[in-house]
Amino acid sequence: KEEKDSVGGVVTCVCRNVPSGLGEPCFDKLEAMLAHAMLLIPATKGFEIGSGFDGLGMYGSEHNDAFEKDADTGKLKTKTNYSGGVQGGISNGQDIVIRVLFKPPATIGKQQATVDYNGDDVILAAKGRHDPCVVPRAVPIVEAMAALVLADAALKQESRVASASKYDFVGNVGVHAFQQGTLPTVDKDGDEENKNDEK
């Protein structure tokens, strides 16, 4: 602050006691939703979960989180947590560990050379009170955003369970694929059957 400059930093967030089964395997992966929420926070420039970029220096045999039975609870858990508590887009019951990088604030008191709208050389120096680092203020924001994402994922899971028991959606859905040149027909009893298209 005395140097009229700024610095960035990293906030690590650990979400404990998260049940397994939250998230989706494709479009709304839990780690993707967490990343989305974190990168919406002003001044964020990076997101990691689990091993993050450090996984680059590991073999798959090292990075894989092998499952084992917990001697105390009898439940399954992983020996390591390089995945950060999320595997295949779905929480696995382990701690969810994320890191969010915040850049140095752009507004600083130190003079910097720039140009105005006409391209003429000018000196830029901010006046007034400005934080030299936003990380201390960002900690509760990261916690709140993570809690919102997990709460939303929990509500989505509850809605899936409720709708499945009420409508038996999975049991009633029929998905059929037909080759080109084959048309589905319905007989008099309402059953589908395939009929080759001779045209």
N, C-alpha and C. Protein backbone atom coordinates (compact mmCIF):
# COMPACT_ATOMS: atom_id res chain seq x y z
N LYS A 1 0.84 -1.21 0.00
CA LYS A 1 0.00 0.00 0.00
C LYS A 1 0.87 1.26 0.00
N GLU A 2 1.96 1.19 0.76
CA GLU A 2 2.86 2.34 0.81
C GLU A 2 3.49 2.60 -0.56
N GLU A 3 3.62 1.55 -1.36
CA GLU A 3 4.21 1.69 -2.69
C GLU A 3 3.16 2.09 -3.73
N LYS A 4 1.91 2.29 -3.28
CA LYS A 4 0.82 2.69 -4.17
C LYS A 4 0.62 1.68 -5.30
N ASP A 5 0.79 0.40 -4.95
CA ASP A 5 0.62 -0.66 -5.93
C ASP A 5 -0.38 -1.68 -5.38
N SER A 6 -0.59 -2.78 -6.09
CA SER A 6 -1.57 -3.78 -5.65
C SER A 6 -1.03 -5.18 -5.90
N VAL A 7 -1.62 -6.16 -5.23
CA VAL A 7 -1.24 -7.55 -5.41
C VAL A 7 -2.50 -8.41 -5.49
N GLY A 8 -2.34 -9.61 -6.06
CA GLY A 8 -3.44 -10.55 -6.13
C GLY A 8 -3.26 -11.65 -5.11
N GLY A 9 -4.03 -12.73 -5.26
CA GLY A 9 -3.92 -13.84 -4.33
C GLY A 9 -4.89 -14.96 -4.67
N VAL A 10 -4.86 -16.00 -3.87
CA VAL A 10 -5.70 -17.18 -4.09
C VAL A 10 -6.53 -17.46 -2.84
N VAL A 11 -7.80 -17.74 -3.05
CA VAL A 11 -8.68 -18.16 -1.96
C VAL A 11 -8.96 -19.65 -2.12
N THR A 12 -8.67 -20.42 -1.09
CA THR A 12 -8.99 -21.85 -1.08
C THR A 12 -10.25 -22.07 -0.28
N CYS A 13 -11.19 -22.80 -0.85
CA CYS A 13 -12.47 -23.06 -0.20
C CYS A 13 -12.66 -24.57 -0.09
N VAL A 14 -12.96 -25.05 1.12
CA VAL A 14 -13.20 -26.47 1.37
C VAL A 14 -14.64 -26.65 1.83
N CYS A 15 -15.40 -27.43 1.07
CA CYS A 15 -16.80 -27.71 1.40
C CYS A 15 -16.88 -29.11 2.01
N ARG A 16 -17.22 -29.19 3.28
CA ARG A 16 -17.24 -30.47 3.99
C ARG A 16 -18.66 -31.01 4.14
N ASN A 17 -18.75 -32.32 4.34
CA ASN A 17 -20.03 -33.01 4.58
C ASN A 17 -21.01 -32.86 3.41
N VAL A 18 -20.48 -32.75 2.21
CA VAL A 18 -21.32 -32.69 1.02
C VAL A 18 -21.74 -34.11 0.65
N PRO A 19 -23.03 -34.39 0.52
CA PRO A 19 -23.46 -35.75 0.18
C PRO A 19 -23.05 -36.13 -1.23
N SER A 20 -22.88 -37.41 -1.46
CA SER A 20 -22.57 -37.88 -2.81
C SER A 20 -23.83 -37.81 -3.66
N GLY A 21 -23.63 -37.65 -4.96
CA GLY A 21 -24.76 -37.66 -5.89
C GLY A 21 -25.24 -36.32 -6.36
N LEU A 22 -24.61 -35.22 -5.94
CA LEU A 22 -25.03 -33.90 -6.40
C LEU A 22 -24.32 -33.57 -7.71
N GLY A 23 -25.05 -32.99 -8.64
CA GLY A 23 -24.47 -32.62 -9.93
C GLY A 23 -25.01 -33.47 -11.05
N GLU A 24 -24.42 -33.31 -12.22
CA GLU A 24 -24.82 -34.04 -13.41
C GLU A 24 -23.57 -34.48 -14.17
N PRO A 25 -23.69 -35.51 -15.00
CA PRO A 25 -22.52 -36.01 -15.71
C PRO A 25 -22.16 -35.23 -16.97
N CYS A 26 -23.02 -34.30 -17.39
CA CYS A 26 -22.74 -33.63 -18.66
C CYS A 26 -22.90 -32.11 -18.58
N PHE A 27 -24.11 -31.62 -18.81
CA PHE A 27 -24.30 -30.18 -19.01
C PHE A 27 -24.10 -29.36 -17.73
N ASP A 28 -24.60 -29.84 -16.60
CA ASP A 28 -24.47 -29.11 -15.35
C ASP A 28 -23.57 -29.85 -14.37
N LYS A 29 -22.36 -30.15 -14.80
CA LYS A 29 -21.39 -30.78 -13.92
C LYS A 29 -21.18 -29.89 -12.70
N LEU A 30 -21.02 -30.52 -11.54
CA LEU A 30 -20.90 -29.74 -10.32
C LEU A 30 -19.68 -28.83 -10.35
N GLU A 31 -18.56 -29.34 -10.86
CA GLU A 31 -17.37 -28.48 -10.92
C GLU A 31 -17.55 -27.33 -11.91
N ALA A 32 -18.32 -27.57 -12.97
CA ALA A 32 -18.58 -26.51 -13.95
C ALA A 32 -19.46 -25.42 -13.34
N MET A 33 -20.44 -25.83 -12.53
CA MET A 33 -21.31 -24.85 -11.89
C MET A 33 -20.55 -24.05 -10.84
N LEU A 34 -19.64 -24.72 -10.12
CA LEU A 34 -18.80 -24.01 -9.16
C LEU A 34 -17.89 -23.01 -9.87
N ALA A 35 -17.28 -23.45 -10.97
CA ALA A 35 -16.40 -22.57 -11.73
C ALA A 35 -17.18 -21.37 -12.27
N HIS A 36 -18.38 -21.63 -12.77
CA HIS A 36 -19.23 -20.56 -13.29
C HIS A 36 -19.50 -19.52 -12.21
N ALA A 37 -19.87 -19.98 -11.04
CA ALA A 37 -20.18 -19.07 -9.94
C ALA A 37 -18.95 -18.28 -9.51
N MET A 38 -17.82 -18.95 -9.40
CA MET A 38 -16.62 -18.27 -8.93
C MET A 38 -16.10 -17.23 -9.92
N LEU A 39 -16.18 -17.56 -11.19
CA LEU A 39 -15.67 -16.63 -12.20
C LEU A 39 -16.62 -15.47 -12.46
N LEU A 40 -17.80 -15.51 -11.84
CA LEU A 40 -18.71 -14.36 -11.88
C LEU A 40 -18.29 -13.29 -10.88
N ILE A 41 -17.46 -13.67 -9.90
CA ILE A 41 -17.01 -12.71 -8.89
C ILE A 41 -16.00 -11.76 -9.54
N PRO A 42 -16.15 -10.45 -9.34
CA PRO A 42 -15.21 -9.50 -9.94
C PRO A 42 -13.76 -9.80 -9.53
N ALA A 43 -12.85 -9.58 -10.45
CA ALA A 43 -11.40 -9.71 -10.27
C ALA A 43 -10.90 -11.15 -10.30
N THR A 44 -11.79 -12.14 -10.54
CA THR A 44 -11.32 -13.52 -10.64
C THR A 44 -10.69 -13.77 -12.00
N LYS A 45 -9.62 -14.55 -11.98
CA LYS A 45 -8.91 -14.87 -13.22
C LYS A 45 -8.56 -16.34 -13.35
N GLY A 46 -8.93 -17.14 -12.38
CA GLY A 46 -8.59 -18.55 -12.47
C GLY A 46 -9.39 -19.38 -11.48
N PHE A 47 -9.57 -20.67 -11.82
CA PHE A 47 -10.31 -21.60 -10.96
C PHE A 47 -9.66 -22.97 -11.04
N GLU A 48 -9.52 -23.61 -9.89
CA GLU A 48 -9.00 -24.97 -9.82
C GLU A 48 -9.86 -25.79 -8.88
N ILE A 49 -9.94 -27.07 -9.16
CA ILE A 49 -10.60 -27.99 -8.23
C ILE A 49 -9.70 -29.21 -8.04
N GLY A 50 -9.59 -29.66 -6.80
CA GLY A 50 -8.72 -30.80 -6.52
C GLY A 50 -7.27 -30.50 -6.83
N SER A 51 -6.63 -31.37 -7.59
CA SER A 51 -5.22 -31.18 -7.94
C SER A 51 -5.01 -30.00 -8.87
N GLY A 52 -6.06 -29.61 -9.61
CA GLY A 52 -5.94 -28.48 -10.53
C GLY A 52 -4.82 -28.67 -11.53
N PHE A 53 -4.06 -27.60 -11.76
CA PHE A 53 -2.99 -27.66 -12.75
C PHE A 53 -1.81 -28.50 -12.28
N ASP A 54 -1.73 -28.79 -10.98
CA ASP A 54 -0.65 -29.65 -10.49
C ASP A 54 -0.80 -31.08 -11.01
N GLY A 55 -2.02 -31.44 -11.44
CA GLY A 55 -2.24 -32.77 -12.00
C GLY A 55 -1.46 -33.01 -13.28
N LEU A 56 -0.99 -31.93 -13.88
CA LEU A 56 -0.21 -32.05 -15.12
C LEU A 56 1.06 -32.86 -14.91
N GLY A 57 1.63 -32.80 -13.71
CA GLY A 57 2.88 -33.49 -13.47
C GLY A 57 2.72 -34.88 -12.87
N MET A 58 1.52 -35.45 -12.96
CA MET A 58 1.27 -36.76 -12.36
C MET A 58 0.85 -37.76 -13.43
N TYR A 59 1.13 -39.04 -13.16
CA TYR A 59 0.62 -40.12 -14.00
C TYR A 59 -0.80 -40.46 -13.55
N GLY A 60 -1.54 -41.10 -14.44
CA GLY A 60 -2.90 -41.50 -14.09
C GLY A 60 -2.93 -42.44 -12.91
N SER A 61 -1.93 -43.31 -12.81
CA SER A 61 -1.86 -44.26 -11.70
C SER A 61 -1.67 -43.54 -10.37
N GLU A 62 -1.06 -42.36 -10.41
CA GLU A 62 -0.87 -41.56 -9.20
C GLU A 62 -2.10 -40.71 -8.90
N HIS A 63 -2.72 -40.21 -9.96
CA HIS A 63 -3.81 -39.25 -9.80
C HIS A 63 -5.14 -39.91 -9.49
N ASN A 64 -5.33 -41.16 -9.87
CA ASN A 64 -6.60 -41.84 -9.63
C ASN A 64 -6.90 -41.93 -8.13
N ASP A 65 -8.13 -41.58 -7.77
CA ASP A 65 -8.57 -41.67 -6.38
C ASP A 65 -9.21 -43.03 -6.15
N ALA A 66 -8.42 -43.97 -5.63
CA ALA A 66 -8.93 -45.32 -5.39
C ALA A 66 -9.88 -45.32 -4.19
N PHE A 67 -10.94 -46.12 -4.29
CA PHE A 67 -11.91 -46.21 -3.20
C PHE A 67 -11.49 -47.27 -2.19
N GLU A 68 -11.88 -47.04 -0.95
CA GLU A 68 -11.65 -47.99 0.12
C GLU A 68 -12.79 -47.88 1.14
N LYS A 69 -12.91 -48.88 1.98
CA LYS A 69 -13.96 -48.89 3.00
C LYS A 69 -13.44 -48.23 4.26
N ASP A 70 -14.20 -47.25 4.76
CA ASP A 70 -13.82 -46.57 5.99
C ASP A 70 -14.01 -47.51 7.17
N ALA A 71 -12.94 -47.71 7.94
CA ALA A 71 -12.99 -48.65 9.07
C ALA A 71 -13.95 -48.20 10.16
N ASP A 72 -14.15 -46.89 10.30
CA ASP A 72 -14.99 -46.36 11.37
C ASP A 72 -16.48 -46.35 10.98
N THR A 73 -16.77 -45.90 9.76
CA THR A 73 -18.17 -45.74 9.35
C THR A 73 -18.68 -46.90 8.51
N GLY A 74 -17.76 -47.66 7.89
CA GLY A 74 -18.18 -48.74 7.00
C GLY A 74 -18.57 -48.26 5.62
N LYS A 75 -18.47 -46.95 5.38
CA LYS A 75 -18.83 -46.39 4.07
C LYS A 75 -17.61 -46.32 3.17
N LEU A 76 -17.87 -46.18 1.88
CA LEU A 76 -16.78 -46.06 0.93
C LEU A 76 -16.25 -44.63 0.92
N LYS A 77 -14.94 -44.52 0.77
CA LYS A 77 -14.30 -43.22 0.62
C LYS A 77 -13.07 -43.40 -0.26
N THR A 78 -12.49 -42.29 -0.67
CA THR A 78 -11.29 -42.38 -1.50
C THR A 78 -10.04 -42.23 -0.65
N LYS A 79 -8.98 -42.93 -1.04
CA LYS A 79 -7.72 -42.85 -0.31
C LYS A 79 -7.09 -41.47 -0.46
N THR A 80 -7.23 -40.89 -1.66
CA THR A 80 -6.73 -39.55 -1.93
C THR A 80 -7.89 -38.70 -2.42
N ASN A 81 -7.64 -37.43 -2.64
CA ASN A 81 -8.72 -36.55 -3.10
C ASN A 81 -8.23 -35.60 -4.19
N TYR A 82 -7.51 -36.16 -5.16
CA TYR A 82 -7.03 -35.34 -6.25
C TYR A 82 -8.18 -34.80 -7.10
N SER A 83 -9.31 -35.48 -7.12
CA SER A 83 -10.46 -35.02 -7.89
C SER A 83 -11.17 -33.86 -7.21
N GLY A 84 -10.83 -33.59 -5.96
CA GLY A 84 -11.44 -32.46 -5.27
C GLY A 84 -12.88 -32.70 -4.87
N GLY A 85 -13.26 -33.96 -4.68
CA GLY A 85 -14.61 -34.25 -4.21
C GLY A 85 -15.66 -34.38 -5.30
N VAL A 86 -15.24 -34.26 -6.56
CA VAL A 86 -16.18 -34.37 -7.68
C VAL A 86 -15.59 -35.29 -8.72
N GLN A 87 -16.33 -36.32 -9.10
CA GLN A 87 -15.88 -37.25 -10.14
C GLN A 87 -16.99 -37.40 -11.17
N GLY A 88 -16.64 -37.20 -12.44
CA GLY A 88 -17.63 -37.31 -13.50
C GLY A 88 -18.74 -36.29 -13.39
N GLY A 89 -18.44 -35.15 -12.77
CA GLY A 89 -19.44 -34.09 -12.64
C GLY A 89 -20.35 -34.24 -11.44
N ILE A 90 -20.14 -35.29 -10.63
CA ILE A 90 -21.03 -35.59 -9.51
C ILE A 90 -20.21 -35.69 -8.23
N SER A 91 -20.72 -35.15 -7.14
CA SER A 91 -20.01 -35.21 -5.86
C SER A 91 -19.88 -36.66 -5.41
N ASN A 92 -18.72 -36.97 -4.81
CA ASN A 92 -18.48 -38.36 -4.37
C ASN A 92 -18.46 -38.51 -2.85
N GLY A 93 -18.84 -37.47 -2.13
CA GLY A 93 -18.91 -37.55 -0.67
C GLY A 93 -17.67 -37.07 0.04
N GLN A 94 -16.59 -36.84 -0.71
CA GLN A 94 -15.37 -36.31 -0.11
C GLN A 94 -15.44 -34.78 -0.05
N ASP A 95 -14.49 -34.18 0.66
CA ASP A 95 -14.44 -32.72 0.71
C ASP A 95 -14.27 -32.15 -0.69
N ILE A 96 -15.04 -31.12 -1.00
CA ILE A 96 -14.87 -30.42 -2.28
C ILE A 96 -13.88 -29.29 -2.04
N VAL A 97 -12.76 -29.34 -2.75
CA VAL A 97 -11.68 -28.38 -2.56
C VAL A 97 -11.49 -27.57 -3.84
N ILE A 98 -11.71 -26.27 -3.73
CA ILE A 98 -11.54 -25.40 -4.89
C ILE A 98 -10.60 -24.24 -4.54
N ARG A 99 -9.98 -23.69 -5.56
CA ARG A 99 -9.14 -22.51 -5.39
C ARG A 99 -9.52 -21.48 -6.45
N VAL A 100 -9.60 -20.24 -6.02
CA VAL A 100 -10.00 -19.15 -6.92
C VAL A 100 -8.91 -18.09 -6.90
N LEU A 101 -8.42 -17.74 -8.09
CA LEU A 101 -7.36 -16.74 -8.21
C LEU A 101 -7.96 -15.36 -8.45
N PHE A 102 -7.47 -14.39 -7.69
CA PHE A 102 -7.89 -13.00 -7.85
C PHE A 102 -6.71 -12.17 -8.33
N LYS A 103 -6.94 -11.39 -9.34
CA LYS A 103 -5.87 -10.56 -9.91
C LYS A 103 -5.61 -9.35 -9.02
N PRO A 104 -4.47 -8.69 -9.21
CA PRO A 104 -4.23 -7.44 -8.50
C PRO A 104 -5.23 -6.38 -8.96
N PRO A 105 -5.80 -5.61 -8.03
CA PRO A 105 -6.73 -4.55 -8.44
C PRO A 105 -6.08 -3.62 -9.46
N ALA A 106 -6.87 -3.22 -10.45
CA ALA A 106 -6.33 -2.38 -11.53
C ALA A 106 -6.14 -0.93 -11.09
N THR A 107 -6.95 -0.48 -10.15
CA THR A 107 -6.89 0.92 -9.73
C THR A 107 -5.81 1.08 -8.66
N ILE A 108 -4.72 1.73 -9.02
CA ILE A 108 -3.60 1.95 -8.11
C ILE A 108 -3.19 3.41 -8.13
N GLY A 109 -2.49 3.80 -7.06
CA GLY A 109 -2.05 5.19 -6.97
C GLY A 109 -0.77 5.49 -7.72
N LYS A 110 -0.04 4.45 -8.10
CA LYS A 110 1.23 4.65 -8.81
C LYS A 110 0.97 5.20 -10.21
N GLN A 111 1.77 6.15 -10.61
CA GLN A 111 1.61 6.76 -11.93
C GLN A 111 1.96 5.77 -13.02
N GLN A 112 1.13 5.75 -14.07
CA GLN A 112 1.35 4.86 -15.20
C GLN A 112 1.11 5.63 -16.50
N ALA A 113 1.96 5.37 -17.45
CA ALA A 113 1.84 6.03 -18.75
C ALA A 113 0.75 5.35 -19.56
N THR A 114 -0.11 6.14 -20.19
CA THR A 114 -1.16 5.63 -21.06
C THR A 114 -1.48 6.70 -22.11
N VAL A 115 -2.57 6.53 -22.83
CA VAL A 115 -3.00 7.53 -23.81
C VAL A 115 -4.47 7.83 -23.60
N ASP A 116 -4.91 9.00 -24.05
CA ASP A 116 -6.32 9.35 -23.96
C ASP A 116 -7.04 8.88 -25.22
N TYR A 117 -8.31 9.25 -25.36
CA TYR A 117 -9.10 8.80 -26.52
C TYR A 117 -8.53 9.28 -27.84
N ASN A 118 -7.78 10.36 -27.81
CA ASN A 118 -7.19 10.88 -29.04
C ASN A 118 -5.82 10.27 -29.34
N GLY A 119 -5.35 9.41 -28.43
CA GLY A 119 -4.04 8.79 -28.62
C GLY A 119 -2.89 9.60 -28.09
N ASP A 120 -3.19 10.68 -27.39
CA ASP A 120 -2.13 11.52 -26.84
C ASP A 120 -1.62 10.93 -25.52
N ASP A 121 -0.33 11.05 -25.27
CA ASP A 121 0.28 10.52 -24.05
C ASP A 121 -0.24 11.26 -22.83
N VAL A 122 -0.63 10.50 -21.81
CA VAL A 122 -1.08 11.08 -20.54
C VAL A 122 -0.57 10.19 -19.41
N ILE A 123 -0.69 10.70 -18.20
CA ILE A 123 -0.30 9.95 -17.01
C ILE A 123 -1.56 9.61 -16.22
N LEU A 124 -1.70 8.33 -15.87
CA LEU A 124 -2.85 7.87 -15.09
C LEU A 124 -2.41 7.57 -13.67
N ALA A 125 -3.07 8.19 -12.70
CA ALA A 125 -2.80 7.93 -11.29
C ALA A 125 -4.11 8.09 -10.53
N ALA A 126 -4.58 6.98 -9.93
CA ALA A 126 -5.87 7.01 -9.23
C ALA A 126 -5.76 7.79 -7.93
N LYS A 127 -6.84 8.45 -7.57
CA LYS A 127 -6.91 9.20 -6.32
C LYS A 127 -7.89 8.51 -5.37
N GLY A 128 -7.76 8.81 -4.09
CA GLY A 128 -8.72 8.30 -3.13
C GLY A 128 -8.30 6.96 -2.53
N ARG A 129 -9.26 6.33 -1.82
CA ARG A 129 -8.98 5.08 -1.11
C ARG A 129 -9.25 3.88 -2.01
N HIS A 130 -8.28 3.00 -2.16
CA HIS A 130 -8.44 1.80 -2.96
C HIS A 130 -7.72 0.64 -2.27
N ASP A 131 -8.34 -0.53 -2.27
CA ASP A 131 -7.72 -1.70 -1.64
C ASP A 131 -6.52 -2.17 -2.45
N PRO A 132 -5.39 -2.41 -1.79
CA PRO A 132 -4.23 -2.94 -2.50
C PRO A 132 -4.39 -4.43 -2.83
N CYS A 133 -5.37 -5.11 -2.17
CA CYS A 133 -5.63 -6.54 -2.43
C CYS A 133 -7.09 -6.83 -2.06
N VAL A 134 -7.80 -7.51 -2.96
CA VAL A 134 -9.22 -7.79 -2.71
C VAL A 134 -9.45 -9.13 -2.02
N VAL A 135 -8.39 -9.93 -1.86
CA VAL A 135 -8.54 -11.29 -1.34
C VAL A 135 -9.23 -11.34 0.03
N PRO A 136 -8.84 -10.50 1.01
CA PRO A 136 -9.53 -10.57 2.30
C PRO A 136 -11.04 -10.35 2.19
N ARG A 137 -11.44 -9.47 1.31
CA ARG A 137 -12.88 -9.21 1.11
C ARG A 137 -13.55 -10.32 0.30
N ALA A 138 -12.76 -11.07 -0.44
CA ALA A 138 -13.32 -12.09 -1.33
C ALA A 138 -13.66 -13.39 -0.60
N VAL A 139 -13.05 -13.64 0.54
CA VAL A 139 -13.24 -14.91 1.25
C VAL A 139 -14.72 -15.21 1.53
N PRO A 140 -15.48 -14.31 2.16
CA PRO A 140 -16.90 -14.62 2.40
C PRO A 140 -17.73 -14.71 1.12
N ILE A 141 -17.28 -14.03 0.07
CA ILE A 141 -18.02 -14.10 -1.20
C ILE A 141 -17.84 -15.47 -1.83
N VAL A 142 -16.63 -16.00 -1.78
CA VAL A 142 -16.37 -17.35 -2.31
C VAL A 142 -17.18 -18.37 -1.52
N GLU A 143 -17.19 -18.23 -0.20
CA GLU A 143 -17.97 -19.15 0.63
C GLU A 143 -19.45 -19.10 0.27
N ALA A 144 -19.98 -17.89 0.11
CA ALA A 144 -21.40 -17.72 -0.19
C ALA A 144 -21.76 -18.29 -1.55
N MET A 145 -20.91 -18.06 -2.54
CA MET A 145 -21.18 -18.57 -3.88
C MET A 145 -21.14 -20.09 -3.91
N ALA A 146 -20.18 -20.68 -3.19
CA ALA A 146 -20.09 -22.14 -3.12
C ALA A 146 -21.33 -22.71 -2.44
N ALA A 147 -21.78 -22.07 -1.37
CA ALA A 147 -22.97 -22.54 -0.66
C ALA A 147 -24.21 -22.46 -1.54
N LEU A 148 -24.33 -21.41 -2.33
CA LEU A 148 -25.47 -21.25 -3.24
C LEU A 148 -25.48 -22.34 -4.30
N VAL A 149 -24.32 -22.64 -4.87
CA VAL A 149 -24.23 -23.69 -5.89
C VAL A 149 -24.62 -25.04 -5.31
N LEU A 150 -24.10 -25.36 -4.12
CA LEU A 150 -24.41 -26.65 -3.50
C LEU A 150 -25.87 -26.74 -3.09
N ALA A 151 -26.44 -25.64 -2.60
CA ALA A 151 -27.85 -25.63 -2.25
C ALA A 151 -28.72 -25.84 -3.48
N ASP A 152 -28.34 -25.20 -4.57
CA ASP A 152 -29.09 -25.35 -5.82
C ASP A 152 -29.00 -26.79 -6.33
N ALA A 153 -27.81 -27.38 -6.25
CA ALA A 153 -27.63 -28.76 -6.68
C ALA A 153 -28.43 -29.72 -5.81
N ALA A 154 -28.51 -29.44 -4.52
CA ALA A 154 -29.29 -30.28 -3.61
C ALA A 154 -30.78 -30.20 -3.94
N LEU A 155 -31.27 -29.00 -4.23
CA LEU A 155 -32.68 -28.83 -4.59
C LEU A 155 -33.01 -29.53 -5.90
N LYS A 156 -32.09 -29.46 -6.85
CA LYS A 156 -32.29 -30.16 -8.13
C LYS A 156 -32.38 -31.66 -7.90
N GLN A 157 -31.52 -32.19 -7.02
CA GLN A 157 -31.53 -33.61 -6.75
C GLN A 157 -32.84 -34.00 -6.06
N GLU A 158 -33.32 -33.18 -5.14
CA GLU A 158 -34.59 -33.45 -4.47
C GLU A 158 -35.74 -33.47 -5.46
N SER A 159 -35.71 -32.56 -6.43
CA SER A 159 -36.77 -32.52 -7.44
C SER A 159 -36.74 -33.76 -8.33
N ARG A 160 -35.53 -34.27 -8.63
CA ARG A 160 -35.43 -35.48 -9.43
C ARG A 160 -36.03 -36.67 -8.68
N VAL A 161 -35.69 -36.78 -7.41
CA VAL A 161 -36.20 -37.90 -6.61
C VAL A 161 -37.72 -37.82 -6.50
N ALA A 162 -38.24 -36.60 -6.25
CA ALA A 162 -39.68 -36.44 -6.09
C ALA A 162 -40.43 -36.73 -7.39
N SER A 163 -39.91 -36.21 -8.51
CA SER A 163 -40.60 -36.42 -9.79
C SER A 163 -40.52 -37.88 -10.23
N ALA A 164 -39.39 -38.54 -9.93
CA ALA A 164 -39.25 -39.94 -10.32
C ALA A 164 -40.26 -40.82 -9.59
N SER A 165 -40.47 -40.54 -8.30
CA SER A 165 -41.42 -41.36 -7.54
C SER A 165 -42.87 -41.03 -7.89
N LYS A 166 -43.11 -39.79 -8.33
CA LYS A 166 -44.48 -39.38 -8.63
C LYS A 166 -44.92 -39.79 -10.02
N TYR A 167 -44.05 -39.61 -10.99
CA TYR A 167 -44.44 -39.83 -12.38
C TYR A 167 -43.87 -41.10 -12.99
N ASP A 168 -42.93 -41.75 -12.31
CA ASP A 168 -42.24 -42.91 -12.86
C ASP A 168 -41.76 -42.61 -14.27
N PHE A 169 -41.13 -41.45 -14.40
CA PHE A 169 -40.73 -40.95 -15.71
C PHE A 169 -39.81 -41.93 -16.43
N VAL A 170 -38.82 -42.42 -15.71
CA VAL A 170 -37.84 -43.31 -16.35
C VAL A 170 -38.51 -44.59 -16.83
N GLY A 171 -39.45 -45.11 -16.04
CA GLY A 171 -40.11 -46.36 -16.42
C GLY A 171 -41.05 -46.21 -17.59
N ASN A 172 -41.55 -45.00 -17.83
CA ASN A 172 -42.53 -44.79 -18.89
C ASN A 172 -41.94 -44.28 -20.20
N VAL A 173 -40.71 -43.81 -20.16
CA VAL A 173 -40.11 -43.24 -21.37
C VAL A 173 -39.66 -44.36 -22.29
N GLY A 174 -40.02 -44.21 -23.56
CA GLY A 174 -39.54 -45.15 -24.57
C GLY A 174 -38.73 -44.40 -25.60
N VAL A 175 -37.47 -44.75 -25.73
CA VAL A 175 -36.61 -44.10 -26.72
C VAL A 175 -36.25 -45.12 -27.78
N HIS A 176 -36.54 -44.79 -29.02
CA HIS A 176 -36.31 -45.74 -30.11
C HIS A 176 -35.50 -45.08 -31.21
N ALA A 177 -34.54 -45.78 -31.74
CA ALA A 177 -33.74 -45.29 -32.85
C ALA A 177 -33.98 -46.19 -34.06
N PHE A 178 -34.06 -45.56 -35.21
CA PHE A 178 -34.34 -46.32 -36.43
C PHE A 178 -33.27 -46.02 -37.47
N GLN A 179 -32.88 -47.07 -38.18
CA GLN A 179 -31.92 -46.88 -39.27
C GLN A 179 -32.57 -46.10 -40.39
N GLN A 180 -31.75 -45.47 -41.17
CA GLN A 180 -32.26 -44.79 -42.35
C GLN A 180 -32.88 -45.83 -43.29
N GLY A 181 -34.09 -45.54 -43.76
CA GLY A 181 -34.79 -46.49 -44.61
C GLY A 181 -35.71 -47.39 -43.82
N THR A 182 -35.80 -47.18 -42.49
CA THR A 182 -36.70 -47.96 -41.65
C THR A 182 -37.64 -47.02 -40.93
N LEU A 183 -38.93 -47.26 -41.05
CA LEU A 183 -39.92 -46.38 -40.45
C LEU A 183 -40.66 -47.10 -39.33
N PRO A 184 -40.94 -46.39 -38.23
CA PRO A 184 -41.74 -47.00 -37.17
C PRO A 184 -43.21 -46.99 -37.54
N THR A 185 -43.88 -48.08 -37.28
CA THR A 185 -45.32 -48.13 -37.48
C THR A 185 -45.97 -48.63 -36.20
N VAL A 186 -47.25 -48.33 -36.03
CA VAL A 186 -47.98 -48.74 -34.85
C VAL A 186 -49.09 -49.69 -35.28
N ASP A 187 -49.12 -50.89 -34.68
CA ASP A 187 -50.16 -51.84 -35.05
C ASP A 187 -51.48 -51.49 -34.35
N LYS A 188 -52.50 -52.29 -34.57
CA LYS A 188 -53.84 -51.97 -34.04
C LYS A 188 -53.89 -52.00 -32.52
N ASP A 189 -52.92 -52.67 -31.86
CA ASP A 189 -52.90 -52.71 -30.40
C ASP A 189 -52.08 -51.57 -29.81
N GLY A 190 -51.54 -50.70 -30.67
CA GLY A 190 -50.76 -49.57 -30.18
C GLY A 190 -49.30 -49.88 -29.98
N ASP A 191 -48.85 -51.09 -30.36
CA ASP A 191 -47.44 -51.45 -30.21
C ASP A 191 -46.65 -51.01 -31.42
N GLU A 192 -45.43 -50.52 -31.18
CA GLU A 192 -44.60 -50.09 -32.28
C GLU A 192 -43.89 -51.28 -32.90
N GLU A 193 -43.74 -51.22 -34.23
CA GLU A 193 -42.94 -52.23 -34.93
C GLU A 193 -42.27 -51.55 -36.09
N ASN A 194 -41.18 -52.16 -36.56
CA ASN A 194 -40.41 -51.57 -37.65
C ASN A 194 -40.90 -52.06 -39.00
N LYS A 195 -40.91 -51.18 -39.95
CA LYS A 195 -41.31 -51.54 -41.30
C LYS A 195 -40.32 -50.90 -42.27
N ASN A 196 -39.71 -51.71 -43.12
CA ASN A 196 -38.72 -51.18 -44.05
C ASN A 196 -39.40 -50.31 -45.08
N ASP A 197 -38.78 -49.20 -45.34
CA ASP A 197 -39.26 -48.28 -46.35
C ASP A 197 -38.63 -48.67 -47.67
N GLU A 198 -39.44 -49.08 -48.60
CA GLU A 198 -38.92 -49.58 -49.90
C GLU A 198 -38.60 -48.46 -50.85
N LYS A 199 -38.98 -47.22 -50.50
CA LYS A 199 -38.77 -46.11 -51.44
C LYS A 199 -37.33 -45.69 -51.47
